[in-house]
């Protein structure tokens, strides 16, 4: 079933929408949640929460790109679960490596202006990504949005791991310089 037909099922409040979504996108959402959480059981629970959140979101929202919409929800739910779990355990589940790599590009200061800064950073990041070459952007997004390992990225893109690692290093440097130029980092 195509995405427009699935969205129509949601708009008509047909429970078949959830089954069709799961049939088509469960593996995709599960891979995102698994990379973040490192635990299949927690990832499956996250994916089930994703279906509920989608059910409650459509309508009123009508996603332009269903896979991106689903991936974003699964990712956000997995990150929230990760934060809850790590707050309880104070341990690392694997999410910290990509985030630590990016932390070098942005100041870790907290202030009253955090919400405004978050919005400005998001807009600046979108502009930055829009200015990258397609391959650089794909590598960056696969690492820092989908939390894929260097090995997964290199295999998926037909590149050596060292190439991916170097590309990420250079792109982080470009991002750091870009954020400084935009006045969003020191």
N, C-alpha and C. Protein backbone atom coordinates (compact mmCIF):
# COMPACT_ATOMS: atom_id res chain seq x y z
N UNK A 1 0.86 -1.18 0.00
CA UNK A 1 0.00 0.00 0.00
C UNK A 1 0.90 1.23 0.00
N UNK A 2 0.54 2.24 -0.80
CA UNK A 2 1.38 3.44 -0.86
C UNK A 2 1.09 4.36 0.33
N UNK A 3 1.98 5.30 0.54
CA UNK A 3 1.91 6.18 1.71
C UNK A 3 0.66 7.04 1.74
N UNK A 4 0.23 7.54 0.58
CA UNK A 4 -0.98 8.36 0.54
C UNK A 4 -2.20 7.56 0.99
N UNK A 5 -2.26 6.29 0.59
CA UNK A 5 -3.38 5.44 1.00
C UNK A 5 -3.35 5.18 2.51
N UNK A 6 -2.14 5.01 3.05
CA UNK A 6 -2.01 4.80 4.51
C UNK A 6 -2.46 6.06 5.25
N UNK A 7 -2.04 7.22 4.78
CA UNK A 7 -2.44 8.48 5.43
C UNK A 7 -3.95 8.65 5.35
N UNK A 8 -4.55 8.27 4.23
CA UNK A 8 -6.02 8.35 4.09
C UNK A 8 -6.70 7.45 5.11
N UNK A 9 -6.13 6.28 5.37
CA UNK A 9 -6.70 5.39 6.40
C UNK A 9 -6.67 6.08 7.77
N UNK A 10 -5.56 6.75 8.08
CA UNK A 10 -5.49 7.49 9.34
C UNK A 10 -6.54 8.60 9.38
N UNK A 11 -6.66 9.33 8.30
CA UNK A 11 -7.62 10.44 8.25
C UNK A 11 -9.05 9.93 8.41
N UNK A 12 -9.32 8.72 7.92
CA UNK A 12 -10.65 8.11 8.05
C UNK A 12 -10.80 7.35 9.37
N UNK A 13 -9.75 7.39 10.20
CA UNK A 13 -9.71 6.74 11.52
C UNK A 13 -9.91 5.24 11.43
N UNK A 14 -9.38 4.64 10.38
CA UNK A 14 -9.43 3.20 10.20
C UNK A 14 -8.25 2.56 10.94
N UNK A 15 -8.56 1.57 11.77
CA UNK A 15 -7.50 0.89 12.52
C UNK A 15 -6.55 0.12 11.61
N UNK A 16 -6.98 -0.13 10.38
CA UNK A 16 -6.12 -0.80 9.41
C UNK A 16 -4.87 0.04 9.14
N UNK A 17 -4.94 1.34 9.38
CA UNK A 17 -3.81 2.23 9.14
C UNK A 17 -2.59 1.79 9.95
N UNK A 18 -2.83 1.40 11.19
CA UNK A 18 -1.72 0.99 12.06
C UNK A 18 -1.07 -0.29 11.52
N UNK A 19 -1.88 -1.24 11.11
CA UNK A 19 -1.34 -2.49 10.57
C UNK A 19 -0.56 -2.25 9.28
N UNK A 20 -1.10 -1.43 8.41
CA UNK A 20 -0.41 -1.12 7.15
C UNK A 20 0.91 -0.40 7.41
N UNK A 21 0.90 0.51 8.38
CA UNK A 21 2.12 1.24 8.74
C UNK A 21 3.16 0.26 9.29
N UNK A 22 2.72 -0.61 10.18
CA UNK A 22 3.64 -1.59 10.76
C UNK A 22 4.19 -2.52 9.69
N UNK A 23 3.33 -2.98 8.78
CA UNK A 23 3.79 -3.88 7.72
C UNK A 23 4.88 -3.24 6.87
N UNK A 24 4.71 -1.97 6.59
CA UNK A 24 5.63 -1.30 5.68
C UNK A 24 6.85 -0.69 6.37
N UNK A 25 6.68 -0.19 7.61
CA UNK A 25 7.75 0.61 8.22
C UNK A 25 8.27 0.10 9.56
N UNK A 26 7.83 -1.07 10.00
CA UNK A 26 8.30 -1.55 11.29
C UNK A 26 9.82 -1.75 11.32
N UNK A 27 10.37 -2.38 10.30
CA UNK A 27 11.82 -2.63 10.27
C UNK A 27 12.60 -1.32 10.28
N UNK A 28 12.12 -0.32 9.54
CA UNK A 28 12.77 0.99 9.49
C UNK A 28 12.78 1.64 10.87
N UNK A 29 11.62 1.71 11.51
CA UNK A 29 11.52 2.34 12.83
C UNK A 29 12.29 1.55 13.89
N UNK A 30 12.23 0.23 13.78
CA UNK A 30 12.95 -0.63 14.73
C UNK A 30 14.46 -0.43 14.62
N UNK A 31 14.96 -0.25 13.41
CA UNK A 31 16.40 -0.04 13.25
C UNK A 31 16.83 1.27 13.88
N UNK A 32 16.02 2.31 13.76
CA UNK A 32 16.35 3.60 14.38
C UNK A 32 16.37 3.47 15.90
N UNK A 33 15.30 2.91 16.45
CA UNK A 33 15.20 2.77 17.90
C UNK A 33 16.28 1.85 18.46
N UNK A 34 16.60 0.78 17.74
CA UNK A 34 17.62 -0.17 18.20
C UNK A 34 19.00 0.48 18.28
N UNK A 35 19.32 1.30 17.28
CA UNK A 35 20.63 1.96 17.29
C UNK A 35 20.77 2.89 18.49
N UNK A 36 19.70 3.54 18.84
CA UNK A 36 19.75 4.49 19.95
C UNK A 36 19.73 3.77 21.29
N UNK A 37 18.88 2.76 21.41
CA UNK A 37 18.69 2.10 22.70
C UNK A 37 19.62 0.91 22.93
N UNK A 38 20.04 0.25 21.85
CA UNK A 38 20.92 -0.90 22.00
C UNK A 38 20.24 -2.10 22.61
N UNK A 39 18.92 -2.12 22.62
CA UNK A 39 18.16 -3.20 23.26
C UNK A 39 16.91 -3.45 22.42
N UNK A 40 16.76 -4.65 21.89
CA UNK A 40 15.64 -4.97 21.01
C UNK A 40 14.29 -4.86 21.71
N UNK A 41 14.21 -5.29 22.95
CA UNK A 41 12.94 -5.24 23.68
C UNK A 41 12.48 -3.79 23.87
N UNK A 42 13.39 -2.93 24.31
CA UNK A 42 13.06 -1.51 24.47
C UNK A 42 12.73 -0.87 23.12
N UNK A 43 13.46 -1.26 22.08
CA UNK A 43 13.22 -0.72 20.75
C UNK A 43 11.83 -1.11 20.26
N UNK A 44 11.41 -2.34 20.50
CA UNK A 44 10.06 -2.79 20.09
C UNK A 44 8.98 -1.99 20.82
N UNK A 45 9.20 -1.76 22.11
CA UNK A 45 8.23 -0.95 22.86
C UNK A 45 8.15 0.46 22.28
N UNK A 46 9.30 0.99 21.91
CA UNK A 46 9.35 2.33 21.30
C UNK A 46 8.57 2.36 19.99
N UNK A 47 8.73 1.33 19.19
CA UNK A 47 8.03 1.26 17.91
C UNK A 47 6.52 1.18 18.15
N UNK A 48 6.11 0.41 19.14
CA UNK A 48 4.67 0.34 19.47
C UNK A 48 4.16 1.71 19.93
N UNK A 49 4.96 2.41 20.71
CA UNK A 49 4.59 3.77 21.11
C UNK A 49 4.52 4.69 19.89
N UNK A 50 5.37 4.43 18.91
CA UNK A 50 5.36 5.23 17.68
C UNK A 50 4.02 5.11 16.99
N UNK A 51 3.48 3.88 16.89
CA UNK A 51 2.19 3.69 16.21
C UNK A 51 1.09 4.47 16.94
N UNK A 52 1.11 4.44 18.26
CA UNK A 52 0.10 5.18 19.03
C UNK A 52 0.25 6.68 18.81
N UNK A 53 1.47 7.16 18.83
CA UNK A 53 1.71 8.60 18.62
C UNK A 53 1.27 9.03 17.22
N UNK A 54 1.53 8.19 16.23
CA UNK A 54 1.10 8.50 14.86
C UNK A 54 -0.42 8.53 14.79
N UNK A 55 -1.06 7.55 15.42
CA UNK A 55 -2.53 7.50 15.44
C UNK A 55 -3.11 8.78 16.04
N UNK A 56 -2.47 9.27 17.09
CA UNK A 56 -2.95 10.49 17.75
C UNK A 56 -2.55 11.77 17.02
N UNK A 57 -1.60 11.66 16.09
CA UNK A 57 -1.10 12.84 15.38
C UNK A 57 -1.78 13.08 14.03
N UNK A 58 -2.25 12.00 13.40
CA UNK A 58 -2.91 12.12 12.08
C UNK A 58 -4.38 11.79 12.27
N UNK A 59 -5.33 12.64 12.02
CA UNK A 59 -5.19 14.08 11.96
C UNK A 59 -4.89 14.64 13.35
N UNK A 60 -4.57 15.86 13.53
CA UNK A 60 -4.67 16.99 12.63
C UNK A 60 -3.49 17.12 11.67
N UNK A 61 -2.33 16.56 12.02
CA UNK A 61 -1.18 16.68 11.11
C UNK A 61 -1.37 15.77 9.92
N UNK A 62 -0.86 16.22 8.78
CA UNK A 62 -0.83 15.39 7.58
C UNK A 62 0.61 15.44 7.07
N UNK A 63 1.37 14.36 7.32
CA UNK A 63 2.78 14.38 6.95
C UNK A 63 2.98 14.41 5.43
N UNK A 64 3.96 15.19 5.01
CA UNK A 64 4.31 15.23 3.58
C UNK A 64 5.12 14.00 3.20
N UNK A 65 5.96 13.53 4.11
CA UNK A 65 6.79 12.35 3.86
C UNK A 65 6.60 11.39 5.04
N UNK A 66 5.79 10.37 4.84
CA UNK A 66 5.47 9.45 5.93
C UNK A 66 6.70 8.78 6.54
N UNK A 67 7.67 8.30 5.76
CA UNK A 67 8.84 7.69 6.40
C UNK A 67 9.60 8.65 7.30
N UNK A 68 9.76 9.89 6.87
CA UNK A 68 10.47 10.88 7.70
C UNK A 68 9.67 11.17 8.97
N UNK A 69 8.36 11.26 8.84
CA UNK A 69 7.48 11.51 9.98
C UNK A 69 7.59 10.37 11.00
N UNK A 70 7.51 9.14 10.51
CA UNK A 70 7.61 7.97 11.39
C UNK A 70 9.00 7.87 12.02
N UNK A 71 10.03 8.08 11.20
CA UNK A 71 11.40 7.99 11.71
C UNK A 71 11.68 9.02 12.78
N UNK A 72 11.14 10.22 12.59
CA UNK A 72 11.33 11.29 13.57
C UNK A 72 10.65 10.94 14.89
N UNK A 73 9.45 10.42 14.81
CA UNK A 73 8.73 10.04 16.03
C UNK A 73 9.47 8.90 16.74
N UNK A 74 9.85 7.87 16.00
CA UNK A 74 10.57 6.74 16.61
C UNK A 74 11.87 7.21 17.24
N UNK A 75 12.58 8.06 16.55
CA UNK A 75 13.86 8.58 17.05
C UNK A 75 13.65 9.37 18.34
N UNK A 76 12.69 10.28 18.34
CA UNK A 76 12.44 11.10 19.53
C UNK A 76 11.99 10.26 20.71
N UNK A 77 11.15 9.28 20.48
CA UNK A 77 10.72 8.39 21.57
C UNK A 77 11.90 7.58 22.10
N UNK A 78 12.75 7.10 21.21
CA UNK A 78 13.92 6.32 21.64
C UNK A 78 14.89 7.18 22.44
N UNK A 79 15.10 8.41 22.00
CA UNK A 79 16.01 9.30 22.74
C UNK A 79 15.42 9.61 24.12
N UNK A 80 14.12 9.84 24.20
CA UNK A 80 13.48 10.08 25.50
C UNK A 80 13.64 8.88 26.42
N UNK A 81 13.43 7.70 25.87
CA UNK A 81 13.59 6.48 26.68
C UNK A 81 15.04 6.32 27.11
N UNK A 82 15.97 6.60 26.19
CA UNK A 82 17.40 6.53 26.50
C UNK A 82 17.73 7.46 27.67
N UNK A 83 17.22 8.68 27.60
CA UNK A 83 17.50 9.65 28.67
C UNK A 83 16.94 9.17 30.01
N UNK A 84 15.71 8.63 29.98
CA UNK A 84 15.13 8.09 31.22
C UNK A 84 15.98 6.96 31.77
N UNK A 85 16.35 6.02 30.90
CA UNK A 85 17.14 4.86 31.33
C UNK A 85 18.52 5.28 31.83
N UNK A 86 19.17 6.19 31.11
CA UNK A 86 20.51 6.57 31.54
C UNK A 86 20.48 7.41 32.81
N UNK A 87 19.38 8.11 33.03
CA UNK A 87 19.25 8.86 34.28
C UNK A 87 19.12 7.88 35.45
N UNK A 88 18.45 6.75 35.18
CA UNK A 88 18.30 5.74 36.22
C UNK A 88 19.59 4.95 36.43
N UNK A 89 20.24 4.57 35.35
CA UNK A 89 21.42 3.72 35.42
C UNK A 89 22.73 4.49 35.48
N UNK A 90 22.70 5.71 34.94
CA UNK A 90 23.92 6.51 34.78
C UNK A 90 24.97 5.74 33.99
N UNK A 91 24.48 4.93 33.04
CA UNK A 91 25.38 4.17 32.19
C UNK A 91 25.28 4.64 30.76
N UNK A 92 26.09 4.07 29.92
CA UNK A 92 26.10 4.45 28.50
C UNK A 92 25.50 3.33 27.68
N UNK A 93 24.58 3.70 26.78
CA UNK A 93 23.96 2.72 25.91
C UNK A 93 24.40 2.89 24.46
N UNK A 94 25.43 3.68 24.20
CA UNK A 94 25.93 3.81 22.84
C UNK A 94 25.58 5.11 22.16
N UNK A 95 24.61 5.84 22.67
CA UNK A 95 24.19 7.09 22.05
C UNK A 95 25.22 8.18 22.27
N UNK A 96 26.02 8.06 23.30
CA UNK A 96 26.91 9.14 23.67
C UNK A 96 28.01 9.41 22.66
N UNK A 97 28.50 8.41 21.96
CA UNK A 97 29.61 8.62 21.03
C UNK A 97 29.26 9.62 19.94
N UNK A 98 28.15 9.42 19.17
CA UNK A 98 27.82 10.43 18.16
C UNK A 98 27.54 11.80 18.76
N UNK A 99 26.89 11.84 19.90
CA UNK A 99 26.57 13.12 20.51
C UNK A 99 27.81 13.81 21.06
N UNK A 100 28.75 13.05 21.58
CA UNK A 100 30.00 13.64 22.04
C UNK A 100 30.79 14.23 20.88
N UNK A 101 30.73 13.56 19.72
CA UNK A 101 31.41 14.08 18.54
C UNK A 101 30.84 15.45 18.16
N UNK A 102 29.53 15.58 18.22
CA UNK A 102 28.89 16.85 17.86
C UNK A 102 29.06 17.91 18.94
N UNK A 103 29.22 17.49 20.18
CA UNK A 103 29.35 18.45 21.28
C UNK A 103 30.55 19.36 21.09
N UNK A 104 31.54 18.92 20.35
CA UNK A 104 32.72 19.74 20.10
C UNK A 104 32.39 20.96 19.25
N UNK A 105 31.25 20.92 18.54
CA UNK A 105 30.87 22.01 17.64
C UNK A 105 30.04 23.08 18.32
N UNK A 106 29.40 22.77 19.45
CA UNK A 106 28.46 23.68 20.08
C UNK A 106 28.86 23.88 21.54
N UNK A 107 28.68 25.09 22.02
CA UNK A 107 28.95 25.37 23.43
C UNK A 107 27.97 24.60 24.31
N UNK A 108 28.41 24.18 25.47
CA UNK A 108 27.55 23.47 26.39
C UNK A 108 26.93 24.37 27.43
N UNK A 109 26.89 25.68 27.18
CA UNK A 109 26.37 26.63 28.15
C UNK A 109 24.86 26.50 28.26
N UNK A 110 24.36 26.70 29.47
CA UNK A 110 22.92 26.72 29.66
C UNK A 110 22.54 28.10 30.19
N UNK A 111 21.39 28.58 29.72
CA UNK A 111 20.94 29.89 30.14
C UNK A 111 19.44 30.00 29.89
N UNK A 112 18.89 31.15 30.23
CA UNK A 112 17.47 31.41 30.02
C UNK A 112 17.15 31.39 28.52
N UNK A 113 18.14 31.66 27.70
CA UNK A 113 17.92 31.76 26.26
C UNK A 113 18.01 30.42 25.54
N UNK A 114 18.02 29.31 26.28
CA UNK A 114 18.18 27.99 25.67
C UNK A 114 17.15 27.69 24.58
N UNK A 115 15.91 28.04 24.80
CA UNK A 115 14.87 27.75 23.82
C UNK A 115 15.12 28.52 22.53
N UNK A 116 15.46 29.78 22.65
CA UNK A 116 15.76 30.59 21.46
C UNK A 116 17.01 30.05 20.78
N UNK A 117 18.02 29.73 21.55
CA UNK A 117 19.26 29.20 20.98
C UNK A 117 18.99 27.89 20.25
N UNK A 118 18.16 27.04 20.85
CA UNK A 118 17.81 25.76 20.22
C UNK A 118 17.18 25.99 18.84
N UNK A 119 16.26 26.93 18.75
CA UNK A 119 15.61 27.25 17.47
C UNK A 119 16.62 27.79 16.47
N UNK A 120 17.48 28.70 16.91
CA UNK A 120 18.49 29.26 16.03
C UNK A 120 19.47 28.19 15.54
N UNK A 121 19.86 27.29 16.45
CA UNK A 121 20.76 26.21 16.07
C UNK A 121 20.12 25.29 15.05
N UNK A 122 18.85 24.98 15.27
CA UNK A 122 18.14 24.10 14.34
C UNK A 122 18.08 24.73 12.94
N UNK A 123 17.75 26.01 12.88
CA UNK A 123 17.69 26.70 11.59
C UNK A 123 19.07 26.76 10.94
N UNK A 124 20.10 27.05 11.73
CA UNK A 124 21.46 27.13 11.20
C UNK A 124 21.92 25.76 10.71
N UNK A 125 21.58 24.71 11.44
CA UNK A 125 21.97 23.35 11.03
C UNK A 125 21.29 22.99 9.71
N UNK A 126 20.04 23.35 9.55
CA UNK A 126 19.34 23.08 8.29
C UNK A 126 20.00 23.81 7.13
N UNK A 127 20.38 25.07 7.34
CA UNK A 127 21.07 25.83 6.29
C UNK A 127 22.42 25.19 5.98
N UNK A 128 23.14 24.80 7.03
CA UNK A 128 24.44 24.17 6.86
C UNK A 128 24.32 22.88 6.05
N UNK A 129 23.38 22.04 6.43
CA UNK A 129 23.19 20.77 5.72
C UNK A 129 22.79 20.99 4.27
N UNK A 130 21.98 22.02 4.03
CA UNK A 130 21.58 22.34 2.67
C UNK A 130 22.74 22.75 1.79
N UNK A 131 23.81 23.24 2.40
CA UNK A 131 24.98 23.68 1.65
C UNK A 131 26.04 22.60 1.43
N UNK A 132 25.83 21.43 2.02
CA UNK A 132 26.80 20.34 1.85
C UNK A 132 26.56 19.59 0.56
N UNK A 133 27.61 18.92 0.09
CA UNK A 133 27.46 18.00 -1.03
C UNK A 133 26.57 16.85 -0.56
N UNK A 134 25.86 16.23 -1.50
CA UNK A 134 24.89 15.19 -1.16
C UNK A 134 25.51 14.06 -0.33
N UNK A 135 26.69 13.59 -0.74
CA UNK A 135 27.30 12.47 -0.01
C UNK A 135 27.70 12.88 1.41
N UNK A 136 28.25 14.07 1.57
CA UNK A 136 28.61 14.57 2.91
C UNK A 136 27.36 14.63 3.80
N UNK A 137 26.28 15.17 3.23
CA UNK A 137 25.03 15.32 3.98
C UNK A 137 24.48 13.95 4.39
N UNK A 138 24.51 12.99 3.46
CA UNK A 138 24.01 11.65 3.78
C UNK A 138 24.80 11.01 4.92
N UNK A 139 26.12 11.12 4.83
CA UNK A 139 26.98 10.54 5.88
C UNK A 139 26.67 11.21 7.22
N UNK A 140 26.59 12.53 7.23
CA UNK A 140 26.33 13.29 8.45
C UNK A 140 24.98 12.92 9.06
N UNK A 141 23.95 12.87 8.24
CA UNK A 141 22.60 12.56 8.74
C UNK A 141 22.52 11.12 9.22
N UNK A 142 23.15 10.21 8.49
CA UNK A 142 23.11 8.81 8.92
C UNK A 142 23.80 8.64 10.27
N UNK A 143 24.85 9.38 10.52
CA UNK A 143 25.58 9.26 11.78
C UNK A 143 24.86 9.96 12.93
N UNK A 144 24.47 11.21 12.71
CA UNK A 144 24.01 12.02 13.82
C UNK A 144 22.49 12.11 13.95
N UNK A 145 21.76 11.70 12.94
CA UNK A 145 20.30 11.67 13.08
C UNK A 145 19.83 10.24 13.30
N UNK A 146 20.31 9.32 12.45
CA UNK A 146 19.90 7.92 12.57
C UNK A 146 20.81 7.12 13.48
N UNK A 147 21.89 7.74 13.97
CA UNK A 147 22.81 7.12 14.93
C UNK A 147 23.43 5.83 14.41
N UNK A 148 23.70 5.76 13.12
CA UNK A 148 24.32 4.57 12.55
C UNK A 148 25.79 4.54 12.92
N UNK A 149 26.33 3.34 13.02
CA UNK A 149 27.76 3.18 13.30
C UNK A 149 28.55 3.49 12.04
N UNK A 150 29.84 3.71 12.21
CA UNK A 150 30.72 3.96 11.06
C UNK A 150 30.66 2.79 10.08
N UNK A 151 30.62 1.59 10.62
CA UNK A 151 30.57 0.39 9.79
C UNK A 151 29.28 0.35 8.97
N UNK A 152 28.14 0.64 9.60
CA UNK A 152 26.87 0.63 8.88
C UNK A 152 26.86 1.66 7.75
N UNK A 153 27.39 2.83 8.03
CA UNK A 153 27.43 3.88 7.01
C UNK A 153 28.34 3.47 5.87
N UNK A 154 29.53 2.98 6.19
CA UNK A 154 30.48 2.62 5.14
C UNK A 154 29.93 1.49 4.27
N UNK A 155 29.32 0.49 4.89
CA UNK A 155 28.73 -0.61 4.11
C UNK A 155 27.56 -0.12 3.27
N UNK A 156 26.72 0.72 3.84
CA UNK A 156 25.55 1.22 3.13
C UNK A 156 25.88 2.15 1.98
N UNK A 157 27.02 2.81 2.06
CA UNK A 157 27.38 3.78 1.02
C UNK A 157 28.50 3.27 0.12
N UNK A 158 28.98 2.06 0.39
CA UNK A 158 30.04 1.50 -0.45
C UNK A 158 31.36 2.24 -0.31
N UNK A 159 31.64 2.73 0.87
CA UNK A 159 32.88 3.46 1.15
C UNK A 159 33.64 2.76 2.26
N UNK A 160 34.94 3.05 2.35
CA UNK A 160 35.74 2.51 3.44
C UNK A 160 35.39 3.28 4.71
N UNK A 161 35.54 2.58 5.84
CA UNK A 161 35.27 3.20 7.13
C UNK A 161 36.13 4.43 7.35
N UNK A 162 37.38 4.37 6.91
CA UNK A 162 38.28 5.51 7.09
C UNK A 162 37.78 6.72 6.31
N UNK A 163 37.19 6.49 5.15
CA UNK A 163 36.62 7.58 4.35
C UNK A 163 35.47 8.25 5.10
N UNK A 164 34.59 7.42 5.67
CA UNK A 164 33.44 7.93 6.41
C UNK A 164 33.91 8.71 7.63
N UNK A 165 34.87 8.17 8.35
CA UNK A 165 35.41 8.82 9.55
C UNK A 165 36.02 10.17 9.20
N UNK A 166 36.79 10.21 8.12
CA UNK A 166 37.41 11.46 7.68
C UNK A 166 36.36 12.47 7.24
N UNK A 167 35.37 12.00 6.51
CA UNK A 167 34.29 12.88 6.06
C UNK A 167 33.56 13.50 7.25
N UNK A 168 33.26 12.69 8.25
CA UNK A 168 32.58 13.20 9.45
C UNK A 168 33.45 14.22 10.18
N UNK A 169 34.74 13.92 10.29
CA UNK A 169 35.66 14.84 10.96
C UNK A 169 35.69 16.19 10.24
N UNK A 170 35.81 16.15 8.93
CA UNK A 170 35.84 17.39 8.16
C UNK A 170 34.51 18.14 8.23
N UNK A 171 33.43 17.41 8.17
CA UNK A 171 32.10 18.05 8.22
C UNK A 171 31.87 18.69 9.58
N UNK A 172 32.31 18.03 10.66
CA UNK A 172 32.20 18.64 11.99
C UNK A 172 33.01 19.92 12.07
N UNK A 173 34.19 19.91 11.45
CA UNK A 173 35.01 21.13 11.40
C UNK A 173 34.31 22.24 10.65
N UNK A 174 33.71 21.90 9.52
CA UNK A 174 32.94 22.89 8.76
C UNK A 174 31.77 23.41 9.58
N UNK A 175 31.10 22.51 10.30
CA UNK A 175 29.96 22.91 11.13
C UNK A 175 30.42 23.85 12.25
N UNK A 176 31.53 23.51 12.88
CA UNK A 176 32.07 24.35 13.95
C UNK A 176 32.36 25.75 13.42
N UNK A 177 33.01 25.83 12.26
CA UNK A 177 33.32 27.13 11.64
C UNK A 177 32.03 27.87 11.26
N UNK A 178 31.07 27.15 10.73
CA UNK A 178 29.81 27.76 10.31
C UNK A 178 29.07 28.34 11.51
N UNK A 179 29.02 27.59 12.61
CA UNK A 179 28.32 28.07 13.81
C UNK A 179 29.03 29.28 14.41
N UNK A 180 30.35 29.31 14.35
CA UNK A 180 31.09 30.47 14.82
C UNK A 180 30.74 31.69 13.96
N UNK A 181 30.72 31.48 12.65
CA UNK A 181 30.41 32.57 11.72
C UNK A 181 28.99 33.11 11.96
N UNK A 182 28.08 32.21 12.31
CA UNK A 182 26.68 32.58 12.58
C UNK A 182 26.51 33.19 13.98
N UNK A 183 27.58 33.17 14.78
CA UNK A 183 27.50 33.72 16.14
C UNK A 183 26.82 32.79 17.12
N UNK A 184 26.78 31.50 16.82
CA UNK A 184 26.11 30.54 17.68
C UNK A 184 27.09 29.67 18.47
N UNK A 185 28.36 29.93 18.32
CA UNK A 185 29.37 29.18 19.05
C UNK A 185 30.61 30.07 19.18
N UNK A 186 31.41 29.77 20.17
CA UNK A 186 32.64 30.56 20.37
C UNK A 186 33.84 29.86 19.81
